Amino acid sequence: MKLRPATAEEYARLVDQAIAELEDILEAASYDFDEVGENPGFVEVLLKELRELRHTMADGSYQFGRNDLPFMRIVKRQTDKELPCIRLLYQINQTHREGLDID
């Protein structure tokens, strides 16, 4: 199993998947505060930043980089219990830092 996507389309799908999962977390939190804790604010910030990332992919201004994506400052303070899609976010960041997994 590859750790990073091989194409820009696969990478964009990972970001779309993360956005959908964060939206699901927020929706669940509106019904059950235990789902994200009492303050889902960090999920809202992550969602905003991922949407901005996806926008740069769509408009062609996205650039891979050597540094972590800005949202990692939040992700690194969470656990998979607080943020079930944490591995996906780490995978997106790894792809950002290392590029696509092209043979």
N, C-alpha and C. Protein backbone atom coordinates (compact mmCIF):
# COMPACT_ATOMS: atom_id res chain seq x y z
N MET A 1 0.84 -1.19 0.00
CA MET A 1 0.00 0.00 0.00
C MET A 1 0.87 1.25 0.00
N LYS A 2 0.58 2.15 -0.90
CA LYS A 2 1.34 3.39 -0.98
C LYS A 2 0.87 4.34 0.12
N LEU A 3 1.84 5.04 0.68
CA LEU A 3 1.51 5.99 1.73
C LEU A 3 1.07 7.34 1.17
N ARG A 4 1.52 7.64 -0.05
CA ARG A 4 1.17 8.91 -0.67
C ARG A 4 0.49 8.64 -2.01
N PRO A 5 -0.41 9.52 -2.41
CA PRO A 5 -1.06 9.35 -3.72
C PRO A 5 -0.05 9.54 -4.86
N ALA A 6 -0.37 8.93 -6.00
CA ALA A 6 0.51 9.00 -7.16
C ALA A 6 0.14 10.11 -8.13
N THR A 7 -1.07 10.63 -8.03
CA THR A 7 -1.52 11.66 -8.96
C THR A 7 -2.12 12.84 -8.19
N ALA A 8 -2.19 13.96 -8.88
CA ALA A 8 -2.81 15.15 -8.30
C ALA A 8 -4.29 14.89 -8.00
N GLU A 9 -4.93 14.12 -8.85
CA GLU A 9 -6.35 13.80 -8.64
C GLU A 9 -6.55 12.99 -7.37
N GLU A 10 -5.68 12.01 -7.14
CA GLU A 10 -5.76 11.20 -5.92
C GLU A 10 -5.52 12.07 -4.69
N TYR A 11 -4.57 12.97 -4.80
CA TYR A 11 -4.25 13.88 -3.69
C TYR A 11 -5.46 14.77 -3.38
N ALA A 12 -6.08 15.32 -4.42
CA ALA A 12 -7.27 16.16 -4.23
C ALA A 12 -8.40 15.35 -3.61
N ARG A 13 -8.53 14.08 -3.99
CA ARG A 13 -9.58 13.23 -3.39
C ARG A 13 -9.33 13.01 -1.91
N LEU A 14 -8.05 12.90 -1.51
CA LEU A 14 -7.74 12.77 -0.08
C LEU A 14 -8.20 14.01 0.68
N VAL A 15 -7.94 15.17 0.11
CA VAL A 15 -8.36 16.41 0.76
C VAL A 15 -9.89 16.48 0.82
N ASP A 16 -10.55 16.09 -0.27
CA ASP A 16 -12.02 16.06 -0.28
C ASP A 16 -12.55 15.10 0.79
N GLN A 17 -11.90 13.96 0.94
CA GLN A 17 -12.31 12.97 1.94
C GLN A 17 -12.15 13.55 3.35
N ALA A 18 -11.04 14.23 3.60
CA ALA A 18 -10.81 14.84 4.91
C ALA A 18 -11.86 15.91 5.19
N ILE A 19 -12.19 16.70 4.19
CA ILE A 19 -13.23 17.72 4.36
C ILE A 19 -14.56 17.07 4.72
N ALA A 20 -14.92 16.01 4.02
CA ALA A 20 -16.18 15.31 4.30
C ALA A 20 -16.18 14.73 5.72
N GLU A 21 -15.06 14.16 6.12
CA GLU A 21 -14.99 13.58 7.47
C GLU A 21 -15.09 14.66 8.55
N LEU A 22 -14.46 15.79 8.33
CA LEU A 22 -14.57 16.89 9.30
C LEU A 22 -15.99 17.43 9.35
N GLU A 23 -16.65 17.52 8.20
CA GLU A 23 -18.06 17.94 8.19
C GLU A 23 -18.92 16.95 8.97
N ASP A 24 -18.63 15.66 8.84
CA ASP A 24 -19.37 14.64 9.58
C ASP A 24 -19.14 14.79 11.09
N ILE A 25 -17.91 15.10 11.48
CA ILE A 25 -17.61 15.29 12.90
C ILE A 25 -18.40 16.47 13.45
N LEU A 26 -18.43 17.56 12.71
CA LEU A 26 -19.20 18.73 13.16
C LEU A 26 -20.69 18.43 13.26
N GLU A 27 -21.19 17.70 12.28
CA GLU A 27 -22.61 17.34 12.31
C GLU A 27 -22.91 16.45 13.52
N ALA A 28 -22.04 15.50 13.77
CA ALA A 28 -22.24 14.62 14.93
C ALA A 28 -22.15 15.41 16.23
N ALA A 29 -21.24 16.38 16.27
CA ALA A 29 -21.06 17.18 17.47
C ALA A 29 -22.30 18.01 17.78
N SER A 30 -23.05 18.36 16.75
CA SER A 30 -24.26 19.15 17.00
C SER A 30 -25.33 18.32 17.70
N TYR A 31 -25.19 17.00 17.63
CA TYR A 31 -26.14 16.10 18.31
C TYR A 31 -25.57 15.49 19.58
N ASP A 32 -24.24 15.34 19.64
CA ASP A 32 -23.61 14.64 20.76
C ASP A 32 -22.30 15.33 21.10
N PHE A 33 -22.29 16.11 22.17
CA PHE A 33 -21.09 16.87 22.53
C PHE A 33 -19.91 15.98 22.88
N ASP A 34 -20.14 14.74 23.27
CA ASP A 34 -19.04 13.84 23.59
C ASP A 34 -18.24 13.45 22.36
N GLU A 35 -18.83 13.61 21.20
CA GLU A 35 -18.16 13.22 19.95
C GLU A 35 -16.86 13.97 19.74
N VAL A 36 -16.82 15.27 20.01
CA VAL A 36 -15.63 16.09 19.80
C VAL A 36 -15.25 16.83 21.08
N GLY A 37 -15.94 16.57 22.14
CA GLY A 37 -15.72 17.34 23.34
C GLY A 37 -16.68 18.51 23.36
N GLU A 38 -16.48 19.38 24.29
CA GLU A 38 -17.41 20.49 24.43
C GLU A 38 -17.12 21.62 23.47
N ASN A 39 -15.93 21.65 22.87
CA ASN A 39 -15.58 22.75 21.98
C ASN A 39 -15.07 22.20 20.65
N PRO A 40 -15.94 22.12 19.65
CA PRO A 40 -15.49 21.62 18.34
C PRO A 40 -14.81 22.70 17.51
N GLY A 41 -14.40 23.79 18.13
CA GLY A 41 -13.79 24.90 17.41
C GLY A 41 -12.58 24.51 16.59
N PHE A 42 -11.76 23.60 17.10
CA PHE A 42 -10.58 23.21 16.34
C PHE A 42 -10.97 22.49 15.06
N VAL A 43 -12.10 21.78 15.06
CA VAL A 43 -12.56 21.10 13.85
C VAL A 43 -13.01 22.13 12.82
N GLU A 44 -13.66 23.18 13.27
CA GLU A 44 -14.08 24.25 12.36
C GLU A 44 -12.87 24.93 11.71
N VAL A 45 -11.81 25.15 12.48
CA VAL A 45 -10.60 25.76 11.94
C VAL A 45 -9.94 24.82 10.93
N LEU A 46 -9.85 23.53 11.28
CA LEU A 46 -9.29 22.55 10.34
C LEU A 46 -10.08 22.52 9.05
N LEU A 47 -11.38 22.53 9.16
CA LEU A 47 -12.24 22.50 7.98
C LEU A 47 -12.01 23.73 7.11
N LYS A 48 -11.92 24.88 7.71
CA LYS A 48 -11.67 26.12 6.96
C LYS A 48 -10.33 26.03 6.22
N GLU A 49 -9.30 25.56 6.92
CA GLU A 49 -7.97 25.51 6.31
C GLU A 49 -7.90 24.44 5.22
N LEU A 50 -8.59 23.33 5.39
CA LEU A 50 -8.61 22.31 4.34
C LEU A 50 -9.38 22.80 3.12
N ARG A 51 -10.44 23.53 3.34
CA ARG A 51 -11.18 24.10 2.20
C ARG A 51 -10.31 25.09 1.44
N GLU A 52 -9.52 25.87 2.16
CA GLU A 52 -8.60 26.81 1.51
C GLU A 52 -7.54 26.04 0.71
N LEU A 53 -7.02 24.96 1.28
CA LEU A 53 -6.05 24.12 0.59
C LEU A 53 -6.66 23.57 -0.69
N ARG A 54 -7.87 23.06 -0.59
CA ARG A 54 -8.55 22.49 -1.76
C ARG A 54 -8.79 23.54 -2.82
N HIS A 55 -9.09 24.75 -2.39
CA HIS A 55 -9.30 25.85 -3.35
C HIS A 55 -8.00 26.12 -4.13
N THR A 56 -6.87 26.12 -3.43
CA THR A 56 -5.60 26.36 -4.14
C THR A 56 -5.30 25.24 -5.13
N MET A 57 -5.74 24.03 -4.82
CA MET A 57 -5.56 22.91 -5.75
C MET A 57 -6.43 23.14 -6.99
N ALA A 58 -7.65 23.60 -6.77
CA ALA A 58 -8.58 23.79 -7.87
C ALA A 58 -8.18 24.96 -8.78
N ASP A 59 -7.63 26.02 -8.18
CA ASP A 59 -7.28 27.18 -9.01
C ASP A 59 -5.86 27.14 -9.56
N GLY A 60 -5.12 26.08 -9.21
CA GLY A 60 -3.78 25.90 -9.76
C GLY A 60 -2.67 26.62 -9.02
N SER A 61 -2.98 27.23 -7.89
CA SER A 61 -1.94 27.96 -7.16
C SER A 61 -1.25 27.13 -6.07
N TYR A 62 -1.70 25.89 -5.87
CA TYR A 62 -1.10 25.03 -4.85
C TYR A 62 0.35 24.71 -5.20
N GLN A 63 1.19 24.70 -4.18
CA GLN A 63 2.58 24.29 -4.35
C GLN A 63 2.96 23.35 -3.22
N PHE A 64 3.62 22.25 -3.58
CA PHE A 64 4.17 21.36 -2.57
C PHE A 64 5.23 22.13 -1.80
N GLY A 65 5.54 21.70 -0.58
CA GLY A 65 6.53 22.41 0.22
C GLY A 65 7.31 21.47 1.11
N ARG A 66 8.30 22.00 1.74
CA ARG A 66 9.13 21.20 2.65
C ARG A 66 8.62 21.28 4.08
N ASN A 67 7.83 22.29 4.37
CA ASN A 67 7.32 22.49 5.73
C ASN A 67 5.92 21.91 5.87
N ASP A 68 5.52 21.69 7.12
CA ASP A 68 4.18 21.21 7.39
C ASP A 68 3.14 22.20 6.88
N LEU A 69 1.98 21.65 6.53
CA LEU A 69 0.83 22.50 6.22
C LEU A 69 0.40 23.21 7.50
N PRO A 70 -0.16 24.41 7.39
CA PRO A 70 -0.52 25.18 8.58
C PRO A 70 -1.44 24.44 9.56
N PHE A 71 -2.36 23.61 9.05
CA PHE A 71 -3.29 22.94 9.96
C PHE A 71 -2.63 21.92 10.87
N MET A 72 -1.39 21.55 10.58
CA MET A 72 -0.72 20.55 11.41
C MET A 72 -0.47 21.06 12.83
N ARG A 73 -0.45 22.37 13.04
CA ARG A 73 -0.29 22.91 14.39
C ARG A 73 -1.44 22.44 15.28
N ILE A 74 -2.59 22.22 14.69
CA ILE A 74 -3.77 21.76 15.42
C ILE A 74 -3.76 20.23 15.50
N VAL A 75 -3.49 19.58 14.39
CA VAL A 75 -3.54 18.12 14.31
C VAL A 75 -2.58 17.49 15.32
N LYS A 76 -1.41 18.05 15.46
CA LYS A 76 -0.38 17.47 16.35
C LYS A 76 -0.78 17.52 17.82
N ARG A 77 -1.79 18.31 18.16
CA ARG A 77 -2.25 18.39 19.55
C ARG A 77 -3.44 17.47 19.82
N GLN A 78 -3.89 16.73 18.81
CA GLN A 78 -5.09 15.90 18.94
C GLN A 78 -4.71 14.41 18.96
N THR A 79 -5.67 13.60 19.35
CA THR A 79 -5.52 12.15 19.29
C THR A 79 -6.56 11.63 18.29
N ASP A 80 -6.46 10.35 17.96
CA ASP A 80 -7.44 9.78 17.04
C ASP A 80 -8.82 9.69 17.68
N LYS A 81 -8.90 9.75 18.99
CA LYS A 81 -10.21 9.77 19.66
C LYS A 81 -10.89 11.12 19.44
N GLU A 82 -10.11 12.18 19.53
CA GLU A 82 -10.66 13.52 19.33
C GLU A 82 -10.84 13.84 17.85
N LEU A 83 -10.02 13.22 17.01
CA LEU A 83 -10.00 13.51 15.59
C LEU A 83 -9.85 12.20 14.82
N PRO A 84 -10.96 11.49 14.56
CA PRO A 84 -10.91 10.17 13.94
C PRO A 84 -10.18 10.12 12.59
N CYS A 85 -10.13 11.23 11.87
CA CYS A 85 -9.47 11.24 10.56
C CYS A 85 -8.02 11.73 10.66
N ILE A 86 -7.41 11.62 11.82
CA ILE A 86 -6.08 12.16 12.02
C ILE A 86 -5.04 11.54 11.08
N ARG A 87 -5.14 10.26 10.83
CA ARG A 87 -4.17 9.60 9.93
C ARG A 87 -4.28 10.14 8.51
N LEU A 88 -5.47 10.44 8.08
CA LEU A 88 -5.69 11.02 6.76
C LEU A 88 -5.02 12.40 6.67
N LEU A 89 -5.15 13.18 7.73
CA LEU A 89 -4.53 14.51 7.75
C LEU A 89 -3.01 14.41 7.74
N TYR A 90 -2.47 13.43 8.45
CA TYR A 90 -1.02 13.20 8.40
C TYR A 90 -0.59 12.76 7.00
N GLN A 91 -1.41 11.96 6.34
CA GLN A 91 -1.09 11.52 4.98
C GLN A 91 -1.09 12.70 4.00
N ILE A 92 -2.05 13.59 4.15
CA ILE A 92 -2.10 14.79 3.31
C ILE A 92 -0.84 15.63 3.54
N ASN A 93 -0.47 15.81 4.80
CA ASN A 93 0.71 16.60 5.11
C ASN A 93 1.99 15.94 4.57
N GLN A 94 2.08 14.63 4.70
CA GLN A 94 3.24 13.92 4.18
C GLN A 94 3.36 14.10 2.67
N THR A 95 2.24 14.03 1.99
CA THR A 95 2.25 14.23 0.54
C THR A 95 2.66 15.65 0.20
N HIS A 96 2.19 16.60 0.97
CA HIS A 96 2.58 18.00 0.76
C HIS A 96 4.10 18.16 0.88
N ARG A 97 4.66 17.52 1.89
CA ARG A 97 6.10 17.67 2.16
C ARG A 97 6.98 16.86 1.22
N GLU A 98 6.53 15.66 0.83
CA GLU A 98 7.38 14.75 0.06
C GLU A 98 6.99 14.64 -1.41
N GLY A 99 5.84 15.19 -1.77
CA GLY A 99 5.38 15.12 -3.14
C GLY A 99 4.61 13.84 -3.43
N LEU A 100 4.18 13.71 -4.64
CA LEU A 100 3.41 12.53 -5.07
C LEU A 100 4.31 11.32 -5.12
N ASP A 101 3.74 10.15 -4.94
CA ASP A 101 4.49 8.89 -4.94
C ASP A 101 4.53 8.35 -6.37
N ILE A 102 5.39 8.95 -7.18
CA ILE A 102 5.50 8.58 -8.58
C ILE A 102 6.69 7.62 -8.73
N ASP A 103 6.44 6.52 -9.41
CA ASP A 103 7.52 5.54 -9.62
C ASP A 103 8.58 6.05 -10.54
